[in-house]
Amino acid sequence: MLQDRRGDPAVKGLYEQALESPTLMIRAIALIVLHGDIDLWSVVMVDNEFNEEAVARLKDEY
């Protein structure tokens, strides 16, 4: 449901706030939604763990 409302300013603001979360998983999921590309999951997940460098790189691209 939230993915479908990505263009909604309130929801977009929520995801943008999540980019500042201290939790890597929350930042990664927010970036995937904001980029609108589920294929980024394979970029941020390496060996079944979130990759901090990949998340930081995606955040810089956003």
C-alpha atoms as a PDB file:
ATOM      1  CA  MET A   1       0.000   0.000   0.000  1.00  0.00           C
ATOM      2  CA  LEU A   2       2.747   2.471   0.904  1.00  0.00           C
ATOM      3  CA  GLN A   3       4.608   1.642  -2.313  1.00  0.00           C
ATOM      4  CA  ASP A   4       1.483   2.620  -4.264  1.00  0.00           C
ATOM      5  CA  ARG A   5       1.311   5.967  -2.423  1.00  0.00           C
ATOM      6  CA  ARG A   6       4.930   6.923  -3.101  1.00  0.00           C
ATOM      7  CA  GLY A   7       3.839  10.148  -4.836  1.00  0.00           C
ATOM      8  CA  ASP A   8       1.749  11.213  -1.835  1.00  0.00           C
ATOM      9  CA  PRO A   9       3.718  14.018  -0.114  1.00  0.00           C
ATOM     10  CA  ALA A  10       2.928  12.665   3.356  1.00  0.00           C
ATOM     11  CA  VAL A  11       4.178   9.188   2.514  1.00  0.00           C
ATOM     12  CA  LYS A  12       7.209  10.479   0.616  1.00  0.00           C
ATOM     13  CA  GLY A  13       8.086  12.598   3.651  1.00  0.00           C
ATOM     14  CA  LEU A  14       7.825   9.550   5.876  1.00  0.00           C
ATOM     15  CA  TYR A  15      10.248   7.617   3.675  1.00  0.00           C
ATOM     16  CA  GLU A  16      12.620  10.574   3.475  1.00  0.00           C
ATOM     17  CA  GLN A  17      12.627  10.762   7.275  1.00  0.00           C
ATOM     18  CA  ALA A  18      13.432   7.042   7.315  1.00  0.00           C
ATOM     19  CA  LEU A  19      16.623   7.818   5.394  1.00  0.00           C
ATOM     20  CA  GLU A  20      17.994   9.318   8.609  1.00  0.00           C
ATOM     21  CA  SER A  21      17.158   6.245  10.702  1.00  0.00           C
ATOM     22  CA  PRO A  22      19.990   4.726  12.718  1.00  0.00           C
ATOM     23  CA  THR A  23      18.742   1.313  11.536  1.00  0.00           C
ATOM     24  CA  LEU A  24      20.359   0.204   8.288  1.00  0.00           C
ATOM     25  CA  MET A  25      17.411  -2.003   7.300  1.00  0.00           C
ATOM     26  CA  ILE A  26      14.968   0.919   7.551  1.00  0.00           C
ATOM     27  CA  ARG A  27      17.215   3.148   5.441  1.00  0.00           C
ATOM     28  CA  ALA A  28      17.615   0.393   2.830  1.00  0.00           C
ATOM     29  CA  ILE A  29      13.884  -0.276   2.519  1.00  0.00           C
ATOM     30  CA  ALA A  30      13.104   3.447   2.319  1.00  0.00           C
ATOM     31  CA  LEU A  31      15.613   3.862  -0.491  1.00  0.00           C
ATOM     32  CA  ILE A  32      14.181   0.940  -2.447  1.00  0.00           C
ATOM     33  CA  VAL A  33      10.709   2.465  -2.200  1.00  0.00           C
ATOM     34  CA  LEU A  34      11.853   6.007  -3.010  1.00  0.00           C
ATOM     35  CA  HIS A  35      13.821   4.783  -6.024  1.00  0.00           C
ATOM     36  CA  GLY A  36      10.793   2.710  -7.045  1.00  0.00           C
ATOM     37  CA  ASP A  37      12.931  -0.278  -8.017  1.00  0.00           C
ATOM     38  CA  ILE A  38      12.571  -3.574  -6.142  1.00  0.00           C
ATOM     39  CA  ASP A  39      15.632  -4.866  -8.023  1.00  0.00           C
ATOM     40  CA  LEU A  40      17.732  -2.665  -5.741  1.00  0.00           C
ATOM     41  CA  TRP A  41      17.103  -5.282  -3.041  1.00  0.00           C
ATOM     42  CA  SER A  42      19.915  -7.353  -4.568  1.00  0.00           C
ATOM     43  CA  VAL A  43      22.168  -4.288  -4.413  1.00  0.00           C
ATOM     44  CA  VAL A  44      21.627  -3.543  -0.718  1.00  0.00           C
ATOM     45  CA  MET A  45      21.625  -7.210   0.373  1.00  0.00           C
ATOM     46  CA  VAL A  46      24.920  -9.078   0.270  1.00  0.00           C
ATOM     47  CA  ASP A  47      25.202 -12.554   1.792  1.00  0.00           C
ATOM     48  CA  ASN A  48      21.786 -12.080   3.445  1.00  0.00           C
ATOM     49  CA  GLU A  49      22.901  -8.925   5.229  1.00  0.00           C
ATOM     50  CA  PHE A  50      22.357  -5.264   4.442  1.00  0.00           C
ATOM     51  CA  ASN A  51      25.436  -3.660   2.929  1.00  0.00           C
ATOM     52  CA  GLU A  52      26.076  -0.288   4.536  1.00  0.00           C
ATOM     53  CA  GLU A  53      28.249   0.982   1.684  1.00  0.00           C
ATOM     54  CA  ALA A  54      25.602   0.132  -0.929  1.00  0.00           C
ATOM     55  CA  VAL A  55      22.910   1.844   1.150  1.00  0.00           C
ATOM     56  CA  ALA A  56      25.083   4.952   1.515  1.00  0.00           C
ATOM     57  CA  ARG A  57      25.758   4.971  -2.245  1.00  0.00           C
ATOM     58  CA  LEU A  58      22.027   4.703  -3.044  1.00  0.00           C
ATOM     59  CA  LYS A  59      21.268   7.487  -0.580  1.00  0.00           C
ATOM     60  CA  ASP A  60      23.802   9.735  -2.321  1.00  0.00           C
ATOM     61  CA  GLU A  61      22.156   8.950  -5.688  1.00  0.00           C
ATOM     62  CA  TYR A  62      18.725   9.814  -4.282  1.00  0.00           C
END
